[in-house]
All heavy atoms as atom14 arrays in JSON, in Angstrom:
{
  "sequence": "FAAGFLVRPFGALVFGRLGDLVGRKYTFLMTI",
  "atom14_mask": [
    [1, 1, 1, 1, 1, 1, 1, 1, 1, 1, 1, 0, 0, 0],
    [1, 1, 1, 1, 1, 0, 0, 0, 0, 0, 0, 0, 0, 0],
    [1, 1, 1, 1, 1, 0, 0, 0, 0, 0, 0, 0, 0, 0],
    [1, 1, 1, 1, 0, 0, 0, 0, 0, 0, 0, 0, 0, 0],
    [1, 1, 1, 1, 1, 1, 1, 1, 1, 1, 1, 0, 0, 0],
    [1, 1, 1, 1, 1, 1, 1, 1, 0, 0, 0, 0, 0, 0],
    [1, 1, 1, 1, 1, 1, 1, 0, 0, 0, 0, 0, 0, 0],
    [1, 1, 1, 1, 1, 1, 1, 1, 1, 1, 1, 0, 0, 0],
    [1, 1, 1, 1, 1, 1, 1, 0, 0, 0, 0, 0, 0, 0],
    [1, 1, 1, 1, 1, 1, 1, 1, 1, 1, 1, 0, 0, 0],
    [1, 1, 1, 1, 0, 0, 0, 0, 0, 0, 0, 0, 0, 0],
    [1, 1, 1, 1, 1, 0, 0, 0, 0, 0, 0, 0, 0, 0],
    [1, 1, 1, 1, 1, 1, 1, 1, 0, 0, 0, 0, 0, 0],
    [1, 1, 1, 1, 1, 1, 1, 0, 0, 0, 0, 0, 0, 0],
    [1, 1, 1, 1, 1, 1, 1, 1, 1, 1, 1, 0, 0, 0],
    [1, 1, 1, 1, 0, 0, 0, 0, 0, 0, 0, 0, 0, 0],
    [1, 1, 1, 1, 1, 1, 1, 1, 1, 1, 1, 0, 0, 0],
    [1, 1, 1, 1, 1, 1, 1, 1, 0, 0, 0, 0, 0, 0],
    [1, 1, 1, 1, 0, 0, 0, 0, 0, 0, 0, 0, 0, 0],
    [1, 1, 1, 1, 1, 1, 1, 1, 0, 0, 0, 0, 0, 0],
    [1, 1, 1, 1, 1, 1, 1, 1, 0, 0, 0, 0, 0, 0],
    [1, 1, 1, 1, 1, 1, 1, 0, 0, 0, 0, 0, 0, 0],
    [1, 1, 1, 1, 0, 0, 0, 0, 0, 0, 0, 0, 0, 0],
    [1, 1, 1, 1, 1, 1, 1, 1, 1, 1, 1, 0, 0, 0],
    [1, 1, 1, 1, 1, 1, 1, 1, 1, 0, 0, 0, 0, 0],
    [1, 1, 1, 1, 1, 1, 1, 1, 1, 1, 1, 1, 0, 0],
    [1, 1, 1, 1, 1, 1, 1, 0, 0, 0, 0, 0, 0, 0],
    [1, 1, 1, 1, 1, 1, 1, 1, 1, 1, 1, 0, 0, 0],
    [1, 1, 1, 1, 1, 1, 1, 1, 0, 0, 0, 0, 0, 0],
    [1, 1, 1, 1, 1, 1, 1, 1, 0, 0, 0, 0, 0, 0],
    [1, 1, 1, 1, 1, 1, 1, 0, 0, 0, 0, 0, 0, 0],
    [1, 1, 1, 1, 1, 1, 1, 1, 0, 0, 0, 0, 0, 0]
  ],
  "atom14_positions": [
    [[0.85, -1.15, -0.01], [0.02, -0.03, 0.02], [0.82, 1.26, -0.01], [0.66, 2.19, -0.77], [-0.92, -0.06, 1.22], [-1.84, 1.09, 1.37], [-2.67, 1.58, 0.38], [-1.84, 1.87, 2.56], [-3.54, 2.64, 0.47], [-2.71, 2.98, 2.68], [-3.5, 3.36, 1.69], [0.0, 0.0, 0.0], [0.0, 0.0, 0.0], [0.0, 0.0, 0.0]],
    [[1.93, 1.21, 0.8], [2.77, 2.32, 0.96], [3.58, 2.55, -0.3], [4.07, 3.72, -0.57], [3.79, 2.16, 2.07], [0.0, 0.0, 0.0], [0.0, 0.0, 0.0], [0.0, 0.0, 0.0], [0.0, 0.0, 0.0], [0.0, 0.0, 0.0], [0.0, 0.0, 0.0], [0.0, 0.0, 0.0], [0.0, 0.0, 0.0], [0.0, 0.0, 0.0]],
    [[3.79, 1.49, -1.19], [4.6, 1.74, -2.39], [4.03, 2.78, -3.31], [4.67, 3.56, -3.94], [4.68, 0.28, -3.18], [0.0, 0.0, 0.0], [0.0, 0.0, 0.0], [0.0, 0.0, 0.0], [0.0, 0.0, 0.0], [0.0, 0.0, 0.0], [0.0, 0.0, 0.0], [0.0, 0.0, 0.0], [0.0, 0.0, 0.0], [0.0, 0.0, 0.0]],
    [[2.73, 2.86, -3.31], [1.99, 3.84, -4.07], [2.3, 5.2, -3.64], [2.42, 6.17, -4.41], [0.0, 0.0, 0.0], [0.0, 0.0, 0.0], [0.0, 0.0, 0.0], [0.0, 0.0, 0.0], [0.0, 0.0, 0.0], [0.0, 0.0, 0.0], [0.0, 0.0, 0.0], [0.0, 0.0, 0.0], [0.0, 0.0, 0.0], [0.0, 0.0, 0.0]],
    [[2.58, 5.33, -2.33], [2.84, 6.6, -1.67], [4.24, 7.02, -1.96], [4.61, 8.25, -2.12], [2.46, 6.66, -0.16], [1.05, 6.6, 0.1], [0.46, 5.33, 0.31], [0.33, 7.6, 0.23], [-0.81, 5.22, 0.65], [-1.04, 7.52, 0.57], [-1.62, 6.34, 0.79], [0.0, 0.0, 0.0], [0.0, 0.0, 0.0], [0.0, 0.0, 0.0]],
    [[5.21, 6.14, -1.87], [6.58, 6.34, -1.98], [6.92, 6.98, -3.37], [7.93, 7.83, -3.44], [7.45, 5.0, -1.79], [7.32, 4.52, -0.38], [8.08, 3.18, -0.29], [8.0, 5.46, 0.61], [0.0, 0.0, 0.0], [0.0, 0.0, 0.0], [0.0, 0.0, 0.0], [0.0, 0.0, 0.0], [0.0, 0.0, 0.0], [0.0, 0.0, 0.0]],
    [[6.2, 6.67, -4.34], [6.59, 7.15, -5.77], [5.85, 8.46, -6.09], [6.0, 9.0, -7.15], [6.33, 6.1, -6.78], [7.23, 4.83, -6.68], [4.89, 5.63, -6.95], [0.0, 0.0, 0.0], [0.0, 0.0, 0.0], [0.0, 0.0, 0.0], [0.0, 0.0, 0.0], [0.0, 0.0, 0.0], [0.0, 0.0, 0.0], [0.0, 0.0, 0.0]],
    [[4.88, 8.79, -5.22], [4.19, 10.0, -5.52], [5.04, 11.27, -5.86], [4.82, 12.01, -6.66], [3.14, 10.29, -4.38], [1.88, 9.45, -4.6], [0.96, 9.57, -3.39], [0.58, 10.92, -3.04], [-0.39, 11.19, -2.1], [-0.83, 10.18, -1.36], [-0.63, 12.41, -1.86], [0.0, 0.0, 0.0], [0.0, 0.0, 0.0], [0.0, 0.0, 0.0]],
    [[6.09, 11.38, -4.98], [6.98, 12.65, -5.25], [7.6, 12.64, -6.73], [7.79, 13.56, -7.3], [8.04, 12.59, -4.15], [7.39, 11.79, -3.06], [6.49, 10.82, -3.72], [0.0, 0.0, 0.0], [0.0, 0.0, 0.0], [0.0, 0.0, 0.0], [0.0, 0.0, 0.0], [0.0, 0.0, 0.0], [0.0, 0.0, 0.0], [0.0, 0.0, 0.0]],
    [[7.88, 11.35, -7.15], [8.47, 11.31, -8.56], [7.39, 11.63, -9.55], [7.69, 12.23, -10.55], [9.07, 9.84, -8.67], [10.08, 9.57, -7.74], [9.81, 8.68, -6.65], [11.4, 10.04, -7.86], [10.77, 8.36, -5.74], [12.39, 9.71, -6.91], [12.07, 8.87, -5.82], [0.0, 0.0, 0.0], [0.0, 0.0, 0.0], [0.0, 0.0, 0.0]],
    [[6.18, 11.14, -9.32], [5.02, 11.63, -10.21], [4.9, 13.13, -10.22], [4.59, 13.76, -11.2], [0.0, 0.0, 0.0], [0.0, 0.0, 0.0], [0.0, 0.0, 0.0], [0.0, 0.0, 0.0], [0.0, 0.0, 0.0], [0.0, 0.0, 0.0], [0.0, 0.0, 0.0], [0.0, 0.0, 0.0], [0.0, 0.0, 0.0], [0.0, 0.0, 0.0]],
    [[5.11, 13.77, -8.95], [4.95, 15.14, -8.93], [6.07, 15.86, -9.8], [5.76, 16.88, -10.43], [5.13, 15.6, -7.42], [0.0, 0.0, 0.0], [0.0, 0.0, 0.0], [0.0, 0.0, 0.0], [0.0, 0.0, 0.0], [0.0, 0.0, 0.0], [0.0, 0.0, 0.0], [0.0, 0.0, 0.0], [0.0, 0.0, 0.0], [0.0, 0.0, 0.0]],
    [[7.29, 15.37, -9.73], [8.32, 15.87, -10.59], [8.09, 15.7, -11.98], [8.23, 16.69, -12.88], [9.71, 15.2, -10.27], [10.25, 15.5, -8.86], [11.46, 14.72, -8.53], [10.62, 16.97, -8.81], [0.0, 0.0, 0.0], [0.0, 0.0, 0.0], [0.0, 0.0, 0.0], [0.0, 0.0, 0.0], [0.0, 0.0, 0.0], [0.0, 0.0, 0.0]],
    [[7.64, 14.51, -12.45], [7.42, 14.26, -13.89], [6.26, 14.97, -14.39], [6.38, 15.79, -15.46], [7.18, 12.74, -14.19], [6.75, 12.44, -15.55], [8.44, 11.9, -13.77], [0.0, 0.0, 0.0], [0.0, 0.0, 0.0], [0.0, 0.0, 0.0], [0.0, 0.0, 0.0], [0.0, 0.0, 0.0], [0.0, 0.0, 0.0], [0.0, 0.0, 0.0]],
    [[5.17, 14.92, -13.71], [3.96, 15.54, -14.28], [3.82, 17.02, -13.96], [3.21, 17.83, -14.6], [2.68, 14.79, -13.82], [2.55, 13.41, -14.4], [2.77, 12.33, -13.56], [2.25, 13.29, -15.74], [2.63, 11.02, -14.11], [2.14, 11.95, -16.19], [2.35, 10.8, -15.46], [0.0, 0.0, 0.0], [0.0, 0.0, 0.0], [0.0, 0.0, 0.0]],
    [[4.46, 17.42, -12.76], [4.56, 18.94, -12.49], [5.35, 19.58, -13.6], [4.95, 20.69, -14.02], [0.0, 0.0, 0.0], [0.0, 0.0, 0.0], [0.0, 0.0, 0.0], [0.0, 0.0, 0.0], [0.0, 0.0, 0.0], [0.0, 0.0, 0.0], [0.0, 0.0, 0.0], [0.0, 0.0, 0.0], [0.0, 0.0, 0.0], [0.0, 0.0, 0.0]],
    [[6.38, 19.06, -14.01], [7.3, 19.57, -15.03], [6.44, 19.72, -16.3], [6.4, 20.77, -17.02], [8.47, 18.73, -15.31], [9.35, 19.24, -16.4], [10.58, 18.39, -16.52], [11.52, 18.88, -17.69], [11.26, 18.45, -18.93], [10.25, 17.66, -19.29], [12.07, 18.93, -19.92], [0.0, 0.0, 0.0], [0.0, 0.0, 0.0], [0.0, 0.0, 0.0]],
    [[5.72, 18.66, -16.73], [4.85, 18.62, -17.94], [3.79, 19.75, -17.81], [3.43, 20.32, -18.75], [4.23, 17.22, -18.14], [5.1, 16.25, -18.73], [4.41, 14.87, -18.8], [5.52, 16.55, -20.18], [0.0, 0.0, 0.0], [0.0, 0.0, 0.0], [0.0, 0.0, 0.0], [0.0, 0.0, 0.0], [0.0, 0.0, 0.0], [0.0, 0.0, 0.0]],
    [[3.17, 19.85, -16.62], [2.03, 20.78, -16.45], [2.55, 22.25, -16.57], [1.8, 22.99, -17.09], [0.0, 0.0, 0.0], [0.0, 0.0, 0.0], [0.0, 0.0, 0.0], [0.0, 0.0, 0.0], [0.0, 0.0, 0.0], [0.0, 0.0, 0.0], [0.0, 0.0, 0.0], [0.0, 0.0, 0.0], [0.0, 0.0, 0.0], [0.0, 0.0, 0.0]],
    [[3.78, 22.46, -16.18], [4.31, 23.84, -16.35], [4.93, 24.13, -17.71], [5.02, 25.17, -18.13], [5.38, 24.12, -15.3], [4.8, 24.43, -13.92], [3.73, 25.0, -13.83], [5.42, 24.04, -12.92], [0.0, 0.0, 0.0], [0.0, 0.0, 0.0], [0.0, 0.0, 0.0], [0.0, 0.0, 0.0], [0.0, 0.0, 0.0], [0.0, 0.0, 0.0]],
    [[5.13, 23.06, -18.46], [5.67, 23.16, -19.9], [4.6, 23.13, -20.9], [4.52, 23.96, -21.81], [6.66, 21.97, -20.13], [8.09, 22.03, -19.48], [8.82, 20.82, -19.85], [8.83, 23.3, -20.05], [0.0, 0.0, 0.0], [0.0, 0.0, 0.0], [0.0, 0.0, 0.0], [0.0, 0.0, 0.0], [0.0, 0.0, 0.0], [0.0, 0.0, 0.0]],
    [[3.71, 22.16, -20.89], [2.73, 22.0, -21.91], [1.23, 22.36, -21.5], [0.45, 22.48, -22.41], [2.72, 20.64, -22.53], [4.1, 20.16, -23.0], [2.25, 19.51, -21.53], [0.0, 0.0, 0.0], [0.0, 0.0, 0.0], [0.0, 0.0, 0.0], [0.0, 0.0, 0.0], [0.0, 0.0, 0.0], [0.0, 0.0, 0.0], [0.0, 0.0, 0.0]],
    [[0.96, 22.44, -20.17], [-0.28, 22.97, -19.73], [-0.94, 22.02, -18.9], [-0.61, 20.78, -18.59], [0.0, 0.0, 0.0], [0.0, 0.0, 0.0], [0.0, 0.0, 0.0], [0.0, 0.0, 0.0], [0.0, 0.0, 0.0], [0.0, 0.0, 0.0], [0.0, 0.0, 0.0], [0.0, 0.0, 0.0], [0.0, 0.0, 0.0], [0.0, 0.0, 0.0]],
    [[-2.02, 22.49, -18.01], [-2.6, 21.73, -17.0], [-3.46, 20.62, -17.56], [-3.56, 19.56, -17.11], [-3.45, 22.61, -16.14], [-2.81, 23.78, -15.27], [-1.47, 24.34, -15.66], [-1.25, 25.46, -14.73], [0.11, 25.93, -14.58], [1.04, 25.32, -15.13], [0.31, 26.96, -13.83], [0.0, 0.0, 0.0], [0.0, 0.0, 0.0], [0.0, 0.0, 0.0]],
    [[-4.31, 20.99, -18.65], [-5.34, 20.16, -19.15], [-4.78, 18.84, -19.65], [-5.3, 17.72, -19.33], [-6.12, 20.81, -20.25], [-7.14, 20.0, -20.93], [-7.88, 20.66, -22.02], [-8.78, 19.73, -22.76], [-9.57, 20.42, -23.94], [0.0, 0.0, 0.0], [0.0, 0.0, 0.0], [0.0, 0.0, 0.0], [0.0, 0.0, 0.0], [0.0, 0.0, 0.0]],
    [[-3.77, 18.85, -20.48], [-3.23, 17.63, -21.1], [-2.49, 16.78, -20.11], [-2.53, 15.53, -20.17], [-2.33, 17.97, -22.26], [-3.08, 18.7, -23.37], [-2.92, 20.06, -23.58], [-3.96, 17.96, -24.17], [-3.71, 20.62, -24.54], [-4.66, 18.64, -25.18], [-4.53, 19.9, -25.35], [-5.26, 20.61, -26.33], [0.0, 0.0, 0.0], [0.0, 0.0, 0.0]],
    [[-1.94, 17.38, -19.09], [-1.33, 16.61, -17.99], [-2.39, 15.87, -17.18], [-2.25, 14.75, -16.82], [-0.54, 17.51, -17.04], [0.34, 18.23, -17.77], [0.28, 16.68, -16.0], [0.0, 0.0, 0.0], [0.0, 0.0, 0.0], [0.0, 0.0, 0.0], [0.0, 0.0, 0.0], [0.0, 0.0, 0.0], [0.0, 0.0, 0.0], [0.0, 0.0, 0.0]],
    [[-3.6, 16.55, -16.99], [-4.76, 15.94, -16.25], [-5.16, 14.65, -17.13], [-5.44, 13.64, -16.44], [-5.95, 16.84, -16.48], [-6.17, 17.72, -15.35], [-6.98, 18.86, -15.55], [-5.54, 17.62, -14.25], [-7.31, 19.73, -14.53], [-5.74, 18.55, -13.13], [-6.62, 19.59, -13.29], [0.0, 0.0, 0.0], [0.0, 0.0, 0.0], [0.0, 0.0, 0.0]],
    [[-5.17, 14.66, -18.38], [-5.64, 13.54, -19.12], [-4.69, 12.33, -19.06], [-5.08, 11.21, -18.95], [-5.75, 13.94, -20.69], [-6.97, 14.91, -20.95], [-6.87, 15.45, -22.37], [-8.26, 14.39, -20.6], [0.0, 0.0, 0.0], [0.0, 0.0, 0.0], [0.0, 0.0, 0.0], [0.0, 0.0, 0.0], [0.0, 0.0, 0.0], [0.0, 0.0, 0.0]],
    [[-3.41, 12.66, -19.0], [-2.44, 11.56, -18.87], [-2.58, 10.89, -17.51], [-2.55, 9.66, -17.45], [-0.97, 12.12, -19.09], [-0.76, 12.57, -20.5], [0.95, 13.26, -20.56], [1.92, 11.94, -20.22], [0.0, 0.0, 0.0], [0.0, 0.0, 0.0], [0.0, 0.0, 0.0], [0.0, 0.0, 0.0], [0.0, 0.0, 0.0], [0.0, 0.0, 0.0]],
    [[-2.72, 11.58, -16.44], [-2.68, 11.16, -15.13], [-3.93, 10.26, -14.94], [-3.86, 9.1, -14.3], [-2.64, 12.1, -14.03], [-3.74, 13.01, -14.18], [-1.26, 12.99, -14.19], [0.0, 0.0, 0.0], [0.0, 0.0, 0.0], [0.0, 0.0, 0.0], [0.0, 0.0, 0.0], [0.0, 0.0, 0.0], [0.0, 0.0, 0.0], [0.0, 0.0, 0.0]],
    [[-5.02, 10.72, -15.41], [-6.23, 9.85, -15.2], [-6.34, 8.56, -16.07], [-6.8, 7.53, -15.5], [-7.56, 10.78, -15.44], [-8.71, 10.28, -14.72], [-7.9, 10.76, -16.9], [-9.86, 11.35, -14.67], [0.0, 0.0, 0.0], [0.0, 0.0, 0.0], [0.0, 0.0, 0.0], [0.0, 0.0, 0.0], [0.0, 0.0, 0.0], [0.0, 0.0, 0.0]]
  ]
}
């Protein structure tokens, strides 16, 4: 269960960068 939590910061780095580069909407679609 905790494994999902441990990688969340890495998801924040990957998708946070994408969100600031290409936009909020398209990053939303990828994550969902």
